[in-house]
Amino acid sequence: MKWIPGAAATRPTPDPLPPPSPTSHPILLLLPPRPPRAWSTCPPKGRCPPSTPPRRSSASDLRRSPPGSPSPLRSATARATLRFPPEIVAELAASPSGDEMSGPKGPIFSTARLAGIMAAKRTPDLIPLCHPLSLSCVDVDFRMEGPGVVVIECTASLVDGRTGVEMEALTGASVAALTVYDMCKAVSHRMDFKVELVRKAGGKGGTVELEEED
């Protein structure tokens, strides 16, 4: 065969092999016949139906819970009561509404509120064997009850929880009270406080209101 410049070499195209038939292949004789695909049930390409968003619990779902079943909403409120000596009351400036106090380190209640919320969310890191929970809400409130008395209430809430949130509420109220102590100890160390659980809701026990002791 003589090679000619510029001419493309052509090769003969081989004949395609015929598909194996069940009678000619011994393995195909053992395989069951494949059922036809139901193409009508498959959506066209690029037209898949949108995924359904996750359903969220609402207040109406909680009202429709059967009697006697535990409520999926759990909450707890803890209270910390601080008592200041007269020198702290005279030194620290309180706002006219009583919702804020200013000390040498800055706003006391605002800082303590942030500390209480952070502590409630980090309760499993502070208390061994405490279950980690995804809290739905943490609220820390302050109010003045007479001269030298500050009341802190921390409320923790959890939706669809399997355990209570009492420890989260108690931890938030305790750390908030400790923050107030830290921001006021430059004036005086004569401060004391107590922490108690005042309310629990949800779970098998339902709502429990703890009576205050005089």
C-alpha atoms as a PDB file:
ATOM      1  CA  MET A   1       0.000   0.000   0.000  1.00  0.00           C
ATOM      2  CA  LYS A   2       1.418   3.372  -1.015  1.00  0.00           C
ATOM      3  CA  TRP A   3       1.110   6.347   1.341  1.00  0.00           C
ATOM      4  CA  ILE A   4      -0.098   9.576  -0.320  1.00  0.00           C
ATOM      5  CA  PRO A   5       0.551  12.877   1.534  1.00  0.00           C
ATOM      6  CA  GLY A   6      -2.613  14.693   2.504  1.00  0.00           C
ATOM      7  CA  ALA A   7      -4.806  11.675   2.168  1.00  0.00           C
ATOM      8  CA  ALA A   8      -6.432  10.318   5.308  1.00  0.00           C
ATOM      9  CA  ALA A   9      -6.005   6.688   5.945  1.00  0.00           C
ATOM     10  CA  THR A  10      -9.290   4.864   5.962  1.00  0.00           C
ATOM     11  CA  ARG A  11      -9.952   1.766   7.941  1.00  0.00           C
ATOM     12  CA  PRO A  12     -12.784  -0.596   7.339  1.00  0.00           C
ATOM     13  CA  THR A  13     -15.534  -0.281   9.960  1.00  0.00           C
ATOM     14  CA  PRO A  14     -16.018  -3.558  11.764  1.00  0.00           C
ATOM     15  CA  ASP A  15     -19.488  -4.992  11.834  1.00  0.00           C
ATOM     16  CA  PRO A  16     -21.273  -4.519  15.225  1.00  0.00           C
ATOM     17  CA  LEU A  17     -21.580  -7.590  17.334  1.00  0.00           C
ATOM     18  CA  PRO A  18     -25.103  -8.893  17.621  1.00  0.00           C
ATOM     19  CA  PRO A  19     -26.645  -8.742  21.126  1.00  0.00           C
ATOM     20  CA  PRO A  20     -26.500 -12.001  22.996  1.00  0.00           C
ATOM     21  CA  SER A  21     -29.705 -13.942  22.982  1.00  0.00           C
ATOM     22  CA  PRO A  22     -30.969 -15.982  25.944  1.00  0.00           C
ATOM     23  CA  THR A  23     -30.560 -19.119  23.906  1.00  0.00           C
ATOM     24  CA  SER A  24     -26.905 -18.426  23.045  1.00  0.00           C
ATOM     25  CA  HIS A  25     -25.683 -17.260  26.524  1.00  0.00           C
ATOM     26  CA  PRO A  26     -25.939 -19.792  29.370  1.00  0.00           C
ATOM     27  CA  ILE A  27     -25.839 -17.154  32.159  1.00  0.00           C
ATOM     28  CA  LEU A  28     -28.799 -15.228  30.762  1.00  0.00           C
ATOM     29  CA  LEU A  29     -30.863 -18.376  30.968  1.00  0.00           C
ATOM     30  CA  LEU A  30     -30.590 -18.263  34.790  1.00  0.00           C
ATOM     31  CA  LEU A  31     -31.591 -14.588  35.208  1.00  0.00           C
ATOM     32  CA  PRO A  32     -35.277 -13.716  35.652  1.00  0.00           C
ATOM     33  CA  PRO A  33     -36.798 -11.382  33.080  1.00  0.00           C
ATOM     34  CA  ARG A  34     -36.571  -7.691  33.987  1.00  0.00           C
ATOM     35  CA  PRO A  35     -39.955  -5.970  34.403  1.00  0.00           C
ATOM     36  CA  PRO A  36     -40.549  -2.889  32.259  1.00  0.00           C
ATOM     37  CA  ARG A  37     -39.868   0.479  33.922  1.00  0.00           C
ATOM     38  CA  ALA A  38     -42.842   2.653  34.744  1.00  0.00           C
ATOM     39  CA  TRP A  39     -41.643   5.789  33.026  1.00  0.00           C
ATOM     40  CA  SER A  40     -44.982   7.485  33.560  1.00  0.00           C
ATOM     41  CA  THR A  41     -44.403   7.704  37.347  1.00  0.00           C
ATOM     42  CA  CYS A  42     -41.068   9.538  37.059  1.00  0.00           C
ATOM     43  CA  PRO A  43     -41.219  13.352  36.787  1.00  0.00           C
ATOM     44  CA  PRO A  44     -39.542  14.945  33.769  1.00  0.00           C
ATOM     45  CA  LYS A  45     -35.942  15.971  34.181  1.00  0.00           C
ATOM     46  CA  GLY A  46     -35.616  19.365  35.852  1.00  0.00           C
ATOM     47  CA  ARG A  47     -39.249  19.355  37.040  1.00  0.00           C
ATOM     48  CA  CYS A  48     -38.918  17.575  40.355  1.00  0.00           C
ATOM     49  CA  PRO A  49     -41.531  18.711  42.897  1.00  0.00           C
ATOM     50  CA  PRO A  50     -40.169  21.055  45.591  1.00  0.00           C
ATOM     51  CA  SER A  51     -39.332  19.465  48.908  1.00  0.00           C
ATOM     52  CA  THR A  52     -41.849  19.976  51.682  1.00  0.00           C
ATOM     53  CA  PRO A  53     -40.502  22.331  54.390  1.00  0.00           C
ATOM     54  CA  PRO A  54     -40.291  20.885  57.927  1.00  0.00           C
ATOM     55  CA  ARG A  55     -43.443  21.385  59.924  1.00  0.00           C
ATOM     56  CA  ARG A  56     -43.099  23.495  63.053  1.00  0.00           C
ATOM     57  CA  SER A  57     -45.097  23.170  66.209  1.00  0.00           C
ATOM     58  CA  SER A  58     -47.598  25.917  66.926  1.00  0.00           C
ATOM     59  CA  ALA A  59     -49.749  26.927  69.839  1.00  0.00           C
ATOM     60  CA  SER A  60     -52.744  25.183  68.278  1.00  0.00           C
ATOM     61  CA  ASP A  61     -50.803  21.908  68.241  1.00  0.00           C
ATOM     62  CA  LEU A  62     -50.187  22.230  71.959  1.00  0.00           C
ATOM     63  CA  ARG A  63     -53.875  22.833  72.618  1.00  0.00           C
ATOM     64  CA  ARG A  64     -54.773  19.722  70.655  1.00  0.00           C
ATOM     65  CA  SER A  65     -52.635  17.439  72.843  1.00  0.00           C
ATOM     66  CA  PRO A  66     -54.713  14.568  74.258  1.00  0.00           C
ATOM     67  CA  PRO A  67     -55.564  14.744  77.964  1.00  0.00           C
ATOM     68  CA  GLY A  68     -53.016  13.155  80.226  1.00  0.00           C
ATOM     69  CA  SER A  69     -50.169  13.232  77.692  1.00  0.00           C
ATOM     70  CA  PRO A  70     -46.991  15.199  78.476  1.00  0.00           C
ATOM     71  CA  SER A  71     -46.842  18.634  76.873  1.00  0.00           C
ATOM     72  CA  PRO A  72     -44.075  19.103  74.262  1.00  0.00           C
ATOM     73  CA  LEU A  73     -43.428  22.629  75.597  1.00  0.00           C
ATOM     74  CA  ARG A  74     -41.256  22.785  78.703  1.00  0.00           C
ATOM     75  CA  SER A  75     -40.314  25.862  80.689  1.00  0.00           C
ATOM     76  CA  ALA A  76     -38.899  26.746  84.074  1.00  0.00           C
ATOM     77  CA  THR A  77     -38.381  29.965  86.031  1.00  0.00           C
ATOM     78  CA  ALA A  78     -35.728  30.455  88.692  1.00  0.00           C
ATOM     79  CA  ARG A  79     -35.366  33.479  90.974  1.00  0.00           C
ATOM     80  CA  ALA A  80     -32.286  34.977  92.572  1.00  0.00           C
ATOM     81  CA  THR A  81     -32.717  37.574  95.331  1.00  0.00           C
ATOM     82  CA  LEU A  82     -29.776  39.828  96.182  1.00  0.00           C
ATOM     83  CA  ARG A  83     -29.526  42.080  99.231  1.00  0.00           C
ATOM     84  CA  PHE A  84     -27.185  45.055  99.181  1.00  0.00           C
ATOM     85  CA  PRO A  85     -25.767  46.843 102.224  1.00  0.00           C
ATOM     86  CA  PRO A  86     -26.498  50.567 102.635  1.00  0.00           C
ATOM     87  CA  GLU A  87     -23.096  51.600 101.308  1.00  0.00           C
ATOM     88  CA  ILE A  88     -23.760  49.960  97.929  1.00  0.00           C
ATOM     89  CA  VAL A  89     -27.198  51.543  97.703  1.00  0.00           C
ATOM     90  CA  ALA A  90     -25.672  54.961  98.396  1.00  0.00           C
ATOM     91  CA  GLU A  91     -22.748  54.463  96.010  1.00  0.00           C
ATOM     92  CA  LEU A  92     -24.413  52.898  92.952  1.00  0.00           C
ATOM     93  CA  ALA A  93     -26.745  54.950  90.801  1.00  0.00           C
ATOM     94  CA  ALA A  94     -30.064  53.333  89.906  1.00  0.00           C
ATOM     95  CA  SER A  95     -32.275  54.474  87.057  1.00  0.00           C
ATOM     96  CA  PRO A  96     -35.632  56.064  87.921  1.00  0.00           C
ATOM     97  CA  SER A  97     -37.490  53.039  86.534  1.00  0.00           C
ATOM     98  CA  GLY A  98     -35.358  50.632  88.568  1.00  0.00           C
ATOM     99  CA  ASP A  99     -34.418  48.470  85.588  1.00  0.00           C
ATOM    100  CA  GLU A 100     -30.728  49.390  85.524  1.00  0.00           C
ATOM    101  CA  MET A 101     -27.854  50.168  87.889  1.00  0.00           C
ATOM    102  CA  SER A 102     -24.475  51.657  87.055  1.00  0.00           C
ATOM    103  CA  GLY A 103     -21.280  50.747  88.868  1.00  0.00           C
ATOM    104  CA  PRO A 104     -17.530  51.163  88.473  1.00  0.00           C
ATOM    105  CA  LYS A 105     -17.476  48.569  85.656  1.00  0.00           C
ATOM    106  CA  GLY A 106     -20.463  49.946  83.752  1.00  0.00           C
ATOM    107  CA  PRO A 107     -24.138  48.938  83.476  1.00  0.00           C
ATOM    108  CA  ILE A 108     -24.741  46.136  85.960  1.00  0.00           C
ATOM    109  CA  PHE A 109     -28.062  44.663  84.917  1.00  0.00           C
ATOM    110  CA  SER A 110     -27.279  44.653  81.189  1.00  0.00           C
ATOM    111  CA  THR A 111     -24.019  42.811  81.786  1.00  0.00           C
ATOM    112  CA  ALA A 112     -25.618  40.349  84.193  1.00  0.00           C
ATOM    113  CA  ARG A 113     -28.465  39.671  81.758  1.00  0.00           C
ATOM    114  CA  LEU A 114     -26.012  38.705  79.030  1.00  0.00           C
ATOM    115  CA  ALA A 115     -24.080  36.504  81.458  1.00  0.00           C
ATOM    116  CA  GLY A 116     -27.247  34.726  82.570  1.00  0.00           C
ATOM    117  CA  ILE A 117     -28.329  33.964  79.000  1.00  0.00           C
ATOM    118  CA  MET A 118     -24.887  32.653  78.083  1.00  0.00           C
ATOM    119  CA  ALA A 119     -24.712  30.504  81.216  1.00  0.00           C
ATOM    120  CA  ALA A 120     -28.137  28.940  80.620  1.00  0.00           C
ATOM    121  CA  LYS A 121     -27.058  27.887  77.140  1.00  0.00           C
ATOM    122  CA  ARG A 122     -23.787  26.437  78.493  1.00  0.00           C
ATOM    123  CA  THR A 123     -25.323  24.488  81.375  1.00  0.00           C
ATOM    124  CA  PRO A 124     -24.110  21.059  80.095  1.00  0.00           C
ATOM    125  CA  ASP A 125     -20.543  22.407  80.110  1.00  0.00           C
ATOM    126  CA  LEU A 126     -20.849  23.498  83.748  1.00  0.00           C
ATOM    127  CA  ILE A 127     -22.817  20.639  85.344  1.00  0.00           C
ATOM    128  CA  PRO A 128     -21.685  17.043  84.735  1.00  0.00           C
ATOM    129  CA  LEU A 129     -24.251  14.561  83.366  1.00  0.00           C
ATOM    130  CA  CYS A 130     -26.601  17.394  82.352  1.00  0.00           C
ATOM    131  CA  HIS A 131     -28.174  16.752  78.939  1.00  0.00           C
ATOM    132  CA  PRO A 132     -27.358  19.292  76.207  1.00  0.00           C
ATOM    133  CA  LEU A 133     -30.539  21.026  75.071  1.00  0.00           C
ATOM    134  CA  SER A 134     -31.364  23.398  72.234  1.00  0.00           C
ATOM    135  CA  LEU A 135     -33.215  26.041  74.215  1.00  0.00           C
ATOM    136  CA  SER A 136     -35.941  27.915  72.392  1.00  0.00           C
ATOM    137  CA  CYS A 137     -35.781  31.023  74.587  1.00  0.00           C
ATOM    138  CA  VAL A 138     -33.920  32.368  77.618  1.00  0.00           C
ATOM    139  CA  ASP A 139     -35.204  35.514  79.319  1.00  0.00           C
ATOM    140  CA  VAL A 140     -33.553  37.262  82.280  1.00  0.00           C
ATOM    141  CA  ASP A 141     -35.434  40.073  84.037  1.00  0.00           C
ATOM    142  CA  PHE A 142     -34.356  42.438  86.843  1.00  0.00           C
ATOM    143  CA  ARG A 143     -36.414  44.519  89.223  1.00  0.00           C
ATOM    144  CA  MET A 144     -35.846  46.441  92.434  1.00  0.00           C
ATOM    145  CA  GLU A 145     -37.953  45.527  95.468  1.00  0.00           C
ATOM    146  CA  GLY A 146     -37.307  48.214  98.009  1.00  0.00           C
ATOM    147  CA  PRO A 147     -33.935  49.747  98.856  1.00  0.00           C
ATOM    148  CA  GLY A 148     -31.087  47.284  98.536  1.00  0.00           C
ATOM    149  CA  VAL A 149     -33.077  44.327  97.172  1.00  0.00           C
ATOM    150  CA  VAL A 150     -32.670  43.141  93.564  1.00  0.00           C
ATOM    151  CA  VAL A 151     -34.750  40.269  92.151  1.00  0.00           C
ATOM    152  CA  ILE A 152     -33.532  38.345  89.116  1.00  0.00           C
ATOM    153  CA  GLU A 153     -35.814  35.930  87.279  1.00  0.00           C
ATOM    154  CA  CYS A 154     -34.496  33.617  84.576  1.00  0.00           C
ATOM    155  CA  THR A 155     -36.987  31.732  82.393  1.00  0.00           C
ATOM    156  CA  ALA A 156     -35.816  28.987  80.037  1.00  0.00           C
ATOM    157  CA  SER A 157     -38.096  27.404  77.426  1.00  0.00           C
ATOM    158  CA  LEU A 158     -37.760  24.339  75.215  1.00  0.00           C
ATOM    159  CA  VAL A 159     -40.066  23.027  72.480  1.00  0.00           C
ATOM    160  CA  ASP A 160     -40.364  19.275  71.900  1.00  0.00           C
ATOM    161  CA  GLY A 161     -38.015  18.417  74.745  1.00  0.00           C
ATOM    162  CA  ARG A 162     -37.740  15.087  76.550  1.00  0.00           C
ATOM    163  CA  THR A 163     -36.307  16.535  79.717  1.00  0.00           C
ATOM    164  CA  GLY A 164     -36.952  19.576  81.872  1.00  0.00           C
ATOM    165  CA  VAL A 165     -35.102  22.886  81.786  1.00  0.00           C
ATOM    166  CA  GLU A 166     -34.945  23.524  85.530  1.00  0.00           C
ATOM    167  CA  MET A 167     -31.149  23.340  85.616  1.00  0.00           C
ATOM    168  CA  GLU A 168     -30.838  25.834  82.763  1.00  0.00           C
ATOM    169  CA  ALA A 169     -33.082  28.335  84.562  1.00  0.00           C
ATOM    170  CA  LEU A 170     -31.251  27.869  87.873  1.00  0.00           C
ATOM    171  CA  THR A 171     -27.856  28.214  86.196  1.00  0.00           C
ATOM    172  CA  GLY A 172     -28.881  31.394  84.386  1.00  0.00           C
ATOM    173  CA  ALA A 173     -30.229  33.025  87.549  1.00  0.00           C
ATOM    174  CA  SER A 174     -27.153  31.986  89.567  1.00  0.00           C
ATOM    175  CA  VAL A 175     -24.609  33.317  87.077  1.00  0.00           C
ATOM    176  CA  ALA A 176     -26.567  36.544  86.667  1.00  0.00           C
ATOM    177  CA  ALA A 177     -26.474  37.037  90.444  1.00  0.00           C
ATOM    178  CA  LEU A 178     -22.752  36.254  90.545  1.00  0.00           C
ATOM    179  CA  THR A 179     -22.170  38.832  87.814  1.00  0.00           C
ATOM    180  CA  VAL A 180     -23.970  41.477  89.865  1.00  0.00           C
ATOM    181  CA  TYR A 181     -21.822  40.504  92.843  1.00  0.00           C
ATOM    182  CA  ASP A 182     -18.647  40.817  90.770  1.00  0.00           C
ATOM    183  CA  MET A 183     -19.587  44.256  89.471  1.00  0.00           C
ATOM    184  CA  CYS A 184     -20.446  45.547  92.956  1.00  0.00           C
ATOM    185  CA  LYS A 185     -17.690  43.997  95.106  1.00  0.00           C
ATOM    186  CA  ALA A 186     -15.429  46.979  94.484  1.00  0.00           C
ATOM    187  CA  VAL A 187     -17.771  48.951  96.725  1.00  0.00           C
ATOM    188  CA  SER A 188     -18.486  46.312  99.361  1.00  0.00           C
ATOM    189  CA  HIS A 189     -18.389  42.538  99.835  1.00  0.00           C
ATOM    190  CA  ARG A 190     -21.315  42.542 102.244  1.00  0.00           C
ATOM    191  CA  MET A 191     -23.787  41.039  99.793  1.00  0.00           C
ATOM    192  CA  ASP A 192     -25.777  37.846  99.942  1.00  0.00           C
ATOM    193  CA  PHE A 193     -28.216  36.152  97.610  1.00  0.00           C
ATOM    194  CA  LYS A 194     -30.284  32.990  97.323  1.00  0.00           C
ATOM    195  CA  VAL A 195     -31.489  31.101  94.262  1.00  0.00           C
ATOM    196  CA  GLU A 196     -34.672  29.055  94.071  1.00  0.00           C
ATOM    197  CA  LEU A 197     -36.941  27.441  91.504  1.00  0.00           C
ATOM    198  CA  VAL A 198     -40.347  29.121  91.444  1.00  0.00           C
ATOM    199  CA  ARG A 199     -42.129  27.547  88.473  1.00  0.00           C
ATOM    200  CA  LYS A 200     -41.952  24.489  86.231  1.00  0.00           C
ATOM    201  CA  ALA A 201     -44.226  23.672  83.286  1.00  0.00           C
ATOM    202  CA  GLY A 202     -44.483  20.753  80.887  1.00  0.00           C
ATOM    203  CA  GLY A 203     -43.619  17.107  81.119  1.00  0.00           C
ATOM    204  CA  LYS A 204     -45.520  14.384  82.942  1.00  0.00           C
ATOM    205  CA  GLY A 205     -45.764  16.471  86.109  1.00  0.00           C
ATOM    206  CA  GLY A 206     -47.487  19.355  84.354  1.00  0.00           C
ATOM    207  CA  THR A 207     -47.239  22.845  85.818  1.00  0.00           C
ATOM    208  CA  VAL A 208     -45.842  23.164  89.331  1.00  0.00           C
ATOM    209  CA  GLU A 209     -45.876  26.454  91.235  1.00  0.00           C
ATOM    210  CA  LEU A 210     -43.521  26.517  94.227  1.00  0.00           C
ATOM    211  CA  GLU A 211     -44.771  28.549  97.139  1.00  0.00           C
ATOM    212  CA  GLU A 212     -42.519  31.228  98.519  1.00  0.00           C
ATOM    213  CA  GLU A 213     -41.370  30.912 102.080  1.00  0.00           C
ATOM    214  CA  ASP A 214     -41.590  33.945 104.311  1.00  0.00           C
END
